[in-house]
PDB file of N, CA and C in Angstrom:
ATOM      1  N   MET A   1     -60.737 -55.822  42.660  1.00  0.00           N
ATOM      2  CA  MET A   1     -61.879 -56.347  42.028  1.00  0.00           C
ATOM      3  C   MET A   1     -61.389 -57.886  41.862  1.00  0.00           C
ATOM      4  N   SER A   2     -62.022 -58.783  42.329  1.00  0.00           N
ATOM      5  CA  SER A   2     -61.924 -60.094  42.182  1.00  0.00           C
ATOM      6  C   SER A   2     -62.250 -60.643  40.724  1.00  0.00           C
ATOM      7  N   VAL A   3     -61.600 -61.993  40.195  1.00  0.00           N
ATOM      8  CA  VAL A   3     -62.015 -62.202  38.991  1.00  0.00           C
ATOM      9  C   VAL A   3     -62.470 -63.532  38.842  1.00  0.00           C
ATOM     10  N   SER A   4     -63.710 -63.765  38.218  1.00  0.00           N
ATOM     11  CA  SER A   4     -64.558 -64.993  38.303  1.00  0.00           C
ATOM     12  C   SER A   4     -64.991 -65.241  39.543  1.00  0.00           C
ATOM     13  N   GLY A   5     -65.010 -64.394  40.526  1.00  0.00           N
ATOM     14  CA  GLY A   5     -65.568 -64.666  41.870  1.00  0.00           C
ATOM     15  C   GLY A   5     -64.567 -65.537  42.904  1.00  0.00           C
ATOM     16  N   LYS A   6     -63.080 -65.491  42.377  1.00  0.00           N
ATOM     17  CA  LYS A   6     -61.932 -66.051  43.053  1.00  0.00           C
ATOM     18  C   LYS A   6     -61.279 -64.797  43.746  1.00  0.00           C
ATOM     19  N   GLU A   7     -61.580 -65.004  44.982  1.00  0.00           N
ATOM     20  CA  GLU A   7     -60.955 -63.755  45.813  1.00  0.00           C
ATOM     21  C   GLU A   7     -59.380 -63.787  45.814  1.00  0.00           C
ATOM     22  N   HIS A   8     -58.894 -64.770  45.702  1.00  0.00           N
ATOM     23  CA  HIS A   8     -57.172 -64.645  45.452  1.00  0.00           C
ATOM     24  C   HIS A   8     -56.801 -64.442  44.248  1.00  0.00           C
ATOM     25  N   ILE A   9     -57.749 -63.900  43.125  1.00  0.00           N
ATOM     26  CA  ILE A   9     -57.378 -63.961  41.809  1.00  0.00           C
ATOM     27  C   ILE A   9     -57.894 -62.285  41.573  1.00  0.00           C
ATOM     28  N   ARG A  10     -56.830 -61.385  41.590  1.00  0.00           N
ATOM     29  CA  ARG A  10     -57.385 -59.959  41.357  1.00  0.00           C
ATOM     30  C   ARG A  10     -57.249 -59.557  39.830  1.00  0.00           C
ATOM     31  N   TYR A  11     -57.930 -58.511  39.491  1.00  0.00           N
ATOM     32  CA  TYR A  11     -57.609 -57.110  38.260  1.00  0.00           C
ATOM     33  C   TYR A  11     -56.808 -56.439  39.202  1.00  0.00           C
ATOM     34  N   CYS A  12     -55.569 -56.421  38.337  1.00  0.00           N
ATOM     35  CA  CYS A  12     -54.420 -55.384  39.024  1.00  0.00           C
ATOM     36  C   CYS A  12     -54.884 -53.832  38.922  1.00  0.00           C
ATOM     37  N   GLY A  13     -55.375 -53.326  37.839  1.00  0.00           N
ATOM     38  CA  GLY A  13     -55.898 -52.061  38.061  1.00  0.00           C
ATOM     39  C   GLY A  13     -54.505 -51.137  38.329  1.00  0.00           C
ATOM     40  N   SER A  14     -54.876 -49.847  38.871  1.00  0.00           N
ATOM     41  CA  SER A  14     -53.555 -48.967  39.053  1.00  0.00           C
ATOM     42  C   SER A  14     -53.671 -48.517  40.744  1.00  0.00           C
ATOM     43  N   PRO A  15     -52.749 -48.616  41.401  1.00  0.00           N
ATOM     44  CA  PRO A  15     -52.480 -48.091  42.688  1.00  0.00           C
ATOM     45  C   PRO A  15     -52.829 -46.578  42.890  1.00  0.00           C
ATOM     46  N   ILE A  16     -52.913 -45.949  41.771  1.00  0.00           N
ATOM     47  CA  ILE A  16     -53.087 -44.201  41.896  1.00  0.00           C
ATOM     48  C   ILE A  16     -54.482 -44.073  41.178  1.00  0.00           C
ATOM     49  N   PRO A  17     -55.213 -42.972  41.118  1.00  0.00           N
ATOM     50  CA  PRO A  17     -56.471 -42.517  40.391  1.00  0.00           C
ATOM     51  C   PRO A  17     -55.626 -41.973  38.936  1.00  0.00           C
ATOM     52  N   LEU A  18     -56.241 -42.472  38.062  1.00  0.00           N
ATOM     53  CA  LEU A  18     -55.936 -42.249  36.431  1.00  0.00           C
ATOM     54  C   LEU A  18     -56.845 -41.533  36.103  1.00  0.00           C
ATOM     55  N   SER A  19     -58.058 -41.140  36.366  1.00  0.00           N
ATOM     56  CA  SER A  19     -58.855 -40.360  35.719  1.00  0.00           C
ATOM     57  C   SER A  19     -59.858 -39.536  36.924  1.00  0.00           C
ATOM     58  N   PHE A  20     -60.686 -38.644  36.671  1.00  0.00           N
ATOM     59  CA  PHE A  20     -61.650 -38.229  37.419  1.00  0.00           C
ATOM     60  C   PHE A  20     -62.498 -39.167  37.758  1.00  0.00           C
ATOM     61  N   ASP A  21     -62.939 -40.204  36.806  1.00  0.00           N
ATOM     62  CA  ASP A  21     -63.924 -41.060  37.396  1.00  0.00           C
ATOM     63  C   ASP A  21     -63.418 -41.895  38.633  1.00  0.00           C
ATOM     64  N   GLU A  22     -62.208 -42.131  38.920  1.00  0.00           N
ATOM     65  CA  GLU A  22     -61.871 -42.738  40.115  1.00  0.00           C
ATOM     66  C   GLU A  22     -61.616 -41.673  41.313  1.00  0.00           C
ATOM     67  N   LEU A  23     -62.108 -40.590  41.063  1.00  0.00           N
ATOM     68  CA  LEU A  23     -61.827 -39.443  42.408  1.00  0.00           C
ATOM     69  C   LEU A  23     -62.187 -40.035  43.401  1.00  0.00           C
ATOM     70  N   ASN A  24     -63.180 -40.930  43.602  1.00  0.00           N
ATOM     71  CA  ASN A  24     -63.744 -41.363  45.087  1.00  0.00           C
ATOM     72  C   ASN A  24     -63.391 -42.766  45.476  1.00  0.00           C
ATOM     73  N   HIS A  25     -62.764 -43.582  44.563  1.00  0.00           N
ATOM     74  CA  HIS A  25     -62.337 -44.656  44.945  1.00  0.00           C
ATOM     75  C   HIS A  25     -61.280 -45.010  45.783  1.00  0.00           C
ATOM     76  N   LYS A  26     -61.232 -45.921  46.699  1.00  0.00           N
ATOM     77  CA  LYS A  26     -60.404 -46.112  47.576  1.00  0.00           C
ATOM     78  C   LYS A  26     -59.289 -47.323  46.902  1.00  0.00           C
ATOM     79  N   LYS A  27     -57.924 -46.728  46.637  1.00  0.00           N
ATOM     80  CA  LYS A  27     -57.121 -47.573  45.947  1.00  0.00           C
ATOM     81  C   LYS A  27     -56.500 -48.517  47.082  1.00  0.00           C
ATOM     82  N   GLN A  28     -56.292 -49.899  46.521  1.00  0.00           N
ATOM     83  CA  GLN A  28     -55.709 -50.562  47.516  1.00  0.00           C
ATOM     84  C   GLN A  28     -54.731 -51.792  46.738  1.00  0.00           C
ATOM     85  N   VAL A  29     -53.860 -52.250  47.484  1.00  0.00           N
ATOM     86  CA  VAL A  29     -53.363 -53.547  47.064  1.00  0.00           C
ATOM     87  C   VAL A  29     -53.653 -54.696  47.940  1.00  0.00           C
ATOM     88  N   ILE A  30     -53.722 -55.949  47.335  1.00  0.00           N
ATOM     89  CA  ILE A  30     -54.062 -56.975  48.219  1.00  0.00           C
ATOM     90  C   ILE A  30     -53.048 -58.011  48.405  1.00  0.00           C
ATOM     91  N   MET A  31     -52.889 -58.199  49.911  1.00  0.00           N
ATOM     92  CA  MET A  31     -51.859 -58.994  50.470  1.00  0.00           C
ATOM     93  C   MET A  31     -52.323 -60.463  50.477  1.00  0.00           C
ATOM     94  N   VAL A  32     -51.908 -61.403  49.719  1.00  0.00           N
ATOM     95  CA  VAL A  32     -52.427 -62.791  49.949  1.00  0.00           C
ATOM     96  C   VAL A  32     -51.183 -63.763  50.411  1.00  0.00           C
ATOM     97  N   GLU A  33     -51.867 -64.387  51.707  1.00  0.00           N
ATOM     98  CA  GLU A  33     -50.582 -65.107  52.343  1.00  0.00           C
ATOM     99  C   GLU A  33     -51.188 -66.401  51.755  1.00  0.00           C
ATOM    100  N   PHE A  34     -50.039 -67.276  51.613  1.00  0.00           N
ATOM    101  CA  PHE A  34     -50.322 -68.725  51.179  1.00  0.00           C
ATOM    102  C   PHE A  34     -49.910 -69.413  52.077  1.00  0.00           C
ATOM    103  N   GLU A  35     -50.041 -70.848  52.257  1.00  0.00           N
ATOM    104  CA  GLU A  35     -49.905 -71.915  52.858  1.00  0.00           C
ATOM    105  C   GLU A  35     -49.737 -72.944  52.144  1.00  0.00           C
ATOM    106  N   GLY A  36     -48.638 -73.349  51.606  1.00  0.00           N
ATOM    107  CA  GLY A  36     -48.378 -74.493  50.681  1.00  0.00           C
ATOM    108  C   GLY A  36     -49.169 -73.798  49.391  1.00  0.00           C
ATOM    109  N   ALA A  37     -49.993 -74.623  48.845  1.00  0.00           N
ATOM    110  CA  ALA A  37     -50.724 -74.090  47.585  1.00  0.00           C
ATOM    111  C   ALA A  37     -52.259 -73.460  48.064  1.00  0.00           C
ATOM    112  N   ASN A  38     -52.166 -73.384  49.172  1.00  0.00           N
ATOM    113  CA  ASN A  38     -53.702 -72.754  49.713  1.00  0.00           C
ATOM    114  C   ASN A  38     -53.547 -71.398  50.181  1.00  0.00           C
ATOM    115  N   VAL A  39     -54.535 -70.803  49.946  1.00  0.00           N
ATOM    116  CA  VAL A  39     -54.657 -69.406  50.399  1.00  0.00           C
ATOM    117  C   VAL A  39     -54.944 -69.352  51.808  1.00  0.00           C
ATOM    118  N   LYS A  40     -53.956 -68.679  52.591  1.00  0.00           N
ATOM    119  CA  LYS A  40     -54.211 -68.815  54.085  1.00  0.00           C
ATOM    120  C   LYS A  40     -55.184 -67.594  54.539  1.00  0.00           C
ATOM    121  N   HIS A  41     -54.545 -66.359  54.051  1.00  0.00           N
ATOM    122  CA  HIS A  41     -55.265 -65.052  54.389  1.00  0.00           C
ATOM    123  C   HIS A  41     -55.178 -63.954  53.318  1.00  0.00           C
ATOM    124  N   ILE A  42     -56.033 -63.302  53.249  1.00  0.00           N
ATOM    125  CA  ILE A  42     -56.089 -62.264  52.198  1.00  0.00           C
ATOM    126  C   ILE A  42     -56.608 -61.015  53.150  1.00  0.00           C
ATOM    127  N   GLU A  43     -55.709 -59.936  52.802  1.00  0.00           N
ATOM    128  CA  GLU A  43     -55.830 -58.718  53.394  1.00  0.00           C
ATOM    129  C   GLU A  43     -55.809 -57.121  52.399  1.00  0.00           C
ATOM    130  N   PRO A  44     -56.871 -56.677  52.334  1.00  0.00           N
ATOM    131  CA  PRO A  44     -56.781 -55.312  51.502  1.00  0.00           C
ATOM    132  C   PRO A  44     -55.873 -54.398  52.546  1.00  0.00           C
ATOM    133  N   LEU A  45     -54.938 -53.665  51.590  1.00  0.00           N
ATOM    134  CA  LEU A  45     -54.105 -52.476  52.145  1.00  0.00           C
ATOM    135  C   LEU A  45     -54.220 -51.322  51.482  1.00  0.00           C
ATOM    136  N   TYR A  46     -54.748 -50.367  52.284  1.00  0.00           N
ATOM    137  CA  TYR A  46     -55.562 -49.071  51.368  1.00  0.00           C
ATOM    138  C   TYR A  46     -54.237 -48.278  51.208  1.00  0.00           C
ATOM    139  N   ILE A  47     -54.112 -47.518  50.052  1.00  0.00           N
ATOM    140  CA  ILE A  47     -52.879 -46.654  49.542  1.00  0.00           C
ATOM    141  C   ILE A  47     -53.442 -45.416  49.916  1.00  0.00           C
ATOM    142  N   PRO A  48     -52.582 -44.558  50.820  1.00  0.00           N
ATOM    143  CA  PRO A  48     -52.805 -43.105  50.828  1.00  0.00           C
ATOM    144  C   PRO A  48     -52.850 -42.378  49.623  1.00  0.00           C
ATOM    145  N   ARG A  49     -53.485 -41.433  49.470  1.00  0.00           N
ATOM    146  CA  ARG A  49     -53.293 -40.709  48.159  1.00  0.00           C
ATOM    147  C   ARG A  49     -52.338 -39.612  48.492  1.00  0.00           C
ATOM    148  N   SER A  50     -51.209 -39.559  47.696  1.00  0.00           N
ATOM    149  CA  SER A  50     -50.011 -38.714  47.785  1.00  0.00           C
ATOM    150  C   SER A  50     -50.381 -36.994  47.231  1.00  0.00           C
ATOM    151  N   GLN A  51     -51.446 -37.367  46.437  1.00  0.00           N
ATOM    152  CA  GLN A  51     -51.654 -35.918  45.755  1.00  0.00           C
ATOM    153  C   GLN A  51     -53.271 -35.704  45.442  1.00  0.00           C
ATOM    154  N   ALA A  52     -53.806 -34.531  46.073  1.00  0.00           N
ATOM    155  CA  ALA A  52     -55.219 -34.538  46.092  1.00  0.00           C
ATOM    156  C   ALA A  52     -55.498 -34.111  44.886  1.00  0.00           C
ATOM    157  N   MET A  53     -56.883 -34.856  44.574  1.00  0.00           N
ATOM    158  CA  MET A  53     -57.806 -34.316  43.176  1.00  0.00           C
ATOM    159  C   MET A  53     -58.892 -33.727  43.284  1.00  0.00           C
ATOM    160  N   TYR A  54     -59.071 -32.807  42.266  1.00  0.00           N
ATOM    161  CA  TYR A  54     -60.334 -32.101  42.831  1.00  0.00           C
ATOM    162  C   TYR A  54     -60.979 -31.877  41.534  1.00  0.00           C
ATOM    163  N   ARG A  55     -62.411 -31.948  41.534  1.00  0.00           N
ATOM    164  CA  ARG A  55     -63.284 -31.749  40.335  1.00  0.00           C
ATOM    165  C   ARG A  55     -63.696 -30.111  40.477  1.00  0.00           C
ATOM    166  N   ILE A  56     -63.364 -29.420  39.535  1.00  0.00           N
ATOM    167  CA  ILE A  56     -63.957 -27.853  39.711  1.00  0.00           C
ATOM    168  C   ILE A  56     -64.725 -27.685  38.439  1.00  0.00           C
ATOM    169  N   GLU A  57     -65.930 -27.172  38.574  1.00  0.00           N
ATOM    170  CA  GLU A  57     -66.748 -27.095  37.405  1.00  0.00           C
ATOM    171  C   GLU A  57     -67.780 -25.749  37.941  1.00  0.00           C
ATOM    172  N   GLY A  58     -68.271 -24.960  36.697  1.00  0.00           N
ATOM    173  CA  GLY A  58     -69.422 -24.128  37.254  1.00  0.00           C
ATOM    174  C   GLY A  58     -68.853 -22.690  36.521  1.00  0.00           C
ATOM    175  N   SER A  59     -69.407 -21.397  36.951  1.00  0.00           N
ATOM    176  CA  SER A  59     -69.257 -20.427  36.430  1.00  0.00           C
ATOM    177  C   SER A  59     -67.733 -19.870  37.258  1.00  0.00           C
ATOM    178  N   LEU A  60     -67.319 -18.915  36.509  1.00  0.00           N
ATOM    179  CA  LEU A  60     -66.167 -17.995  37.039  1.00  0.00           C
ATOM    180  C   LEU A  60     -66.430 -17.870  38.418  1.00  0.00           C
ATOM    181  N   THR A  61     -67.328 -17.345  38.820  1.00  0.00           N
ATOM    182  CA  THR A  61     -67.441 -16.879  40.265  1.00  0.00           C
ATOM    183  C   THR A  61     -67.592 -18.477  40.916  1.00  0.00           C
ATOM    184  N   SER A  62     -68.189 -19.465  40.603  1.00  0.00           N
ATOM    185  CA  SER A  62     -68.265 -20.454  41.542  1.00  0.00           C
ATOM    186  C   SER A  62     -66.666 -21.304  41.643  1.00  0.00           C
ATOM    187  N   ILE A  63     -66.110 -21.385  40.168  1.00  0.00           N
ATOM    188  CA  ILE A  63     -64.928 -21.744  40.294  1.00  0.00           C
ATOM    189  C   ILE A  63     -63.725 -21.150  41.137  1.00  0.00           C
ATOM    190  N   GLU A  64     -63.806 -19.628  41.053  1.00  0.00           N
ATOM    191  CA  GLU A  64     -62.905 -18.818  42.016  1.00  0.00           C
ATOM    192  C   GLU A  64     -63.238 -19.158  43.551  1.00  0.00           C
ATOM    193  N   HIS A  65     -64.433 -19.233  43.856  1.00  0.00           N
ATOM    194  CA  HIS A  65     -64.828 -19.438  45.159  1.00  0.00           C
ATOM    195  C   HIS A  65     -64.274 -20.998  45.519  1.00  0.00           C
ATOM    196  N   GLN A  66     -64.446 -22.020  44.739  1.00  0.00           N
ATOM    197  CA  GLN A  66     -63.956 -23.525  44.815  1.00  0.00           C
ATOM    198  C   GLN A  66     -62.545 -23.238  45.084  1.00  0.00           C
ATOM    199  N   LEU A  67     -61.825 -22.598  44.307  1.00  0.00           N
ATOM    200  CA  LEU A  67     -60.072 -22.435  44.190  1.00  0.00           C
ATOM    201  C   LEU A  67     -59.885 -22.020  45.495  1.00  0.00           C
ATOM    202  N   GLN A  68     -60.337 -21.136  46.091  1.00  0.00           N
ATOM    203  CA  GLN A  68     -60.183 -20.430  47.379  1.00  0.00           C
ATOM    204  C   GLN A  68     -60.418 -21.205  48.553  1.00  0.00           C
ATOM    205  N   ASN A  69     -61.418 -21.986  48.383  1.00  0.00           N
ATOM    206  CA  ASN A  69     -61.922 -23.251  49.450  1.00  0.00           C
ATOM    207  C   ASN A  69     -60.912 -24.317  49.427  1.00  0.00           C
ATOM    208  N   ILE A  70     -60.290 -24.773  48.371  1.00  0.00           N
ATOM    209  CA  ILE A  70     -59.378 -25.576  48.448  1.00  0.00           C
ATOM    210  C   ILE A  70     -58.011 -24.967  48.706  1.00  0.00           C
ATOM    211  N   ALA A  71     -57.827 -23.942  48.284  1.00  0.00           N
ATOM    212  CA  ALA A  71     -56.141 -23.283  48.991  1.00  0.00           C
ATOM    213  C   ALA A  71     -56.189 -23.155  50.770  1.00  0.00           C
ATOM    214  N   VAL A  72     -57.666 -22.974  51.047  1.00  0.00           N
ATOM    215  CA  VAL A  72     -57.669 -22.684  52.488  1.00  0.00           C
ATOM    216  C   VAL A  72     -57.771 -24.201  53.209  1.00  0.00           C
ATOM    217  N   GLU A  73     -58.155 -25.032  52.494  1.00  0.00           N
ATOM    218  CA  GLU A  73     -57.970 -26.785  52.809  1.00  0.00           C
ATOM    219  C   GLU A  73     -56.552 -26.987  52.860  1.00  0.00           C
ATOM    220  N   LEU A  74     -55.751 -26.850  51.779  1.00  0.00           N
ATOM    221  CA  LEU A  74     -54.462 -27.047  51.833  1.00  0.00           C
ATOM    222  C   LEU A  74     -53.682 -26.372  52.783  1.00  0.00           C
ATOM    223  N   SER A  75     -54.230 -25.413  53.002  1.00  0.00           N
ATOM    224  CA  SER A  75     -53.232 -24.604  54.105  1.00  0.00           C
ATOM    225  C   SER A  75     -53.253 -25.030  55.618  1.00  0.00           C
ATOM    226  N   LEU A  76     -54.569 -25.829  55.743  1.00  0.00           N
ATOM    227  CA  LEU A  76     -54.757 -26.156  56.929  1.00  0.00           C
ATOM    228  C   LEU A  76     -53.941 -27.735  57.181  1.00  0.00           C
ATOM    229  N   THR A  77     -54.050 -28.185  55.988  1.00  0.00           N
ATOM    230  CA  THR A  77     -53.283 -29.501  56.281  1.00  0.00           C
ATOM    231  C   THR A  77     -52.114 -29.574  55.536  1.00  0.00           C
ATOM    232  N   ASP A  78     -51.326 -28.596  55.437  1.00  0.00           N
ATOM    233  CA  ASP A  78     -49.470 -28.395  55.332  1.00  0.00           C
ATOM    234  C   ASP A  78     -48.953 -28.662  56.176  1.00  0.00           C
ATOM    235  N   ASN A  79     -48.217 -29.670  55.980  1.00  0.00           N
ATOM    236  CA  ASN A  79     -47.357 -30.231  57.384  1.00  0.00           C
ATOM    237  C   ASN A  79     -45.653 -30.073  56.989  1.00  0.00           C
ATOM    238  N   THR A  80     -45.388 -29.208  56.031  1.00  0.00           N
ATOM    239  CA  THR A  80     -44.150 -28.968  55.804  1.00  0.00           C
ATOM    240  C   THR A  80     -43.338 -27.898  57.024  1.00  0.00           C
ATOM    241  N   ALA A  81     -44.367 -27.181  57.606  1.00  0.00           N
ATOM    242  CA  ALA A  81     -43.605 -26.356  58.753  1.00  0.00           C
ATOM    243  C   ALA A  81     -43.355 -27.210  60.027  1.00  0.00           C
TER     244      ALA A  81
END
């Protein structure tokens, strides 16, 4: 997030989600390249999420179904084999 409309000044925030409010936020760091005292280039570098976060809510049956779907999703993306 830029500060005072200046692209080279940013609020640092956190590179990882700290709450479920940030569940769908793409986290990034900003690489700023300077030439002398002038900004030459600004590039966002998106941070891959190392740990998935899920919001699960509803009735017990609904929660069980959601957990089963997550387990299937995780088994399909398991790269440990």
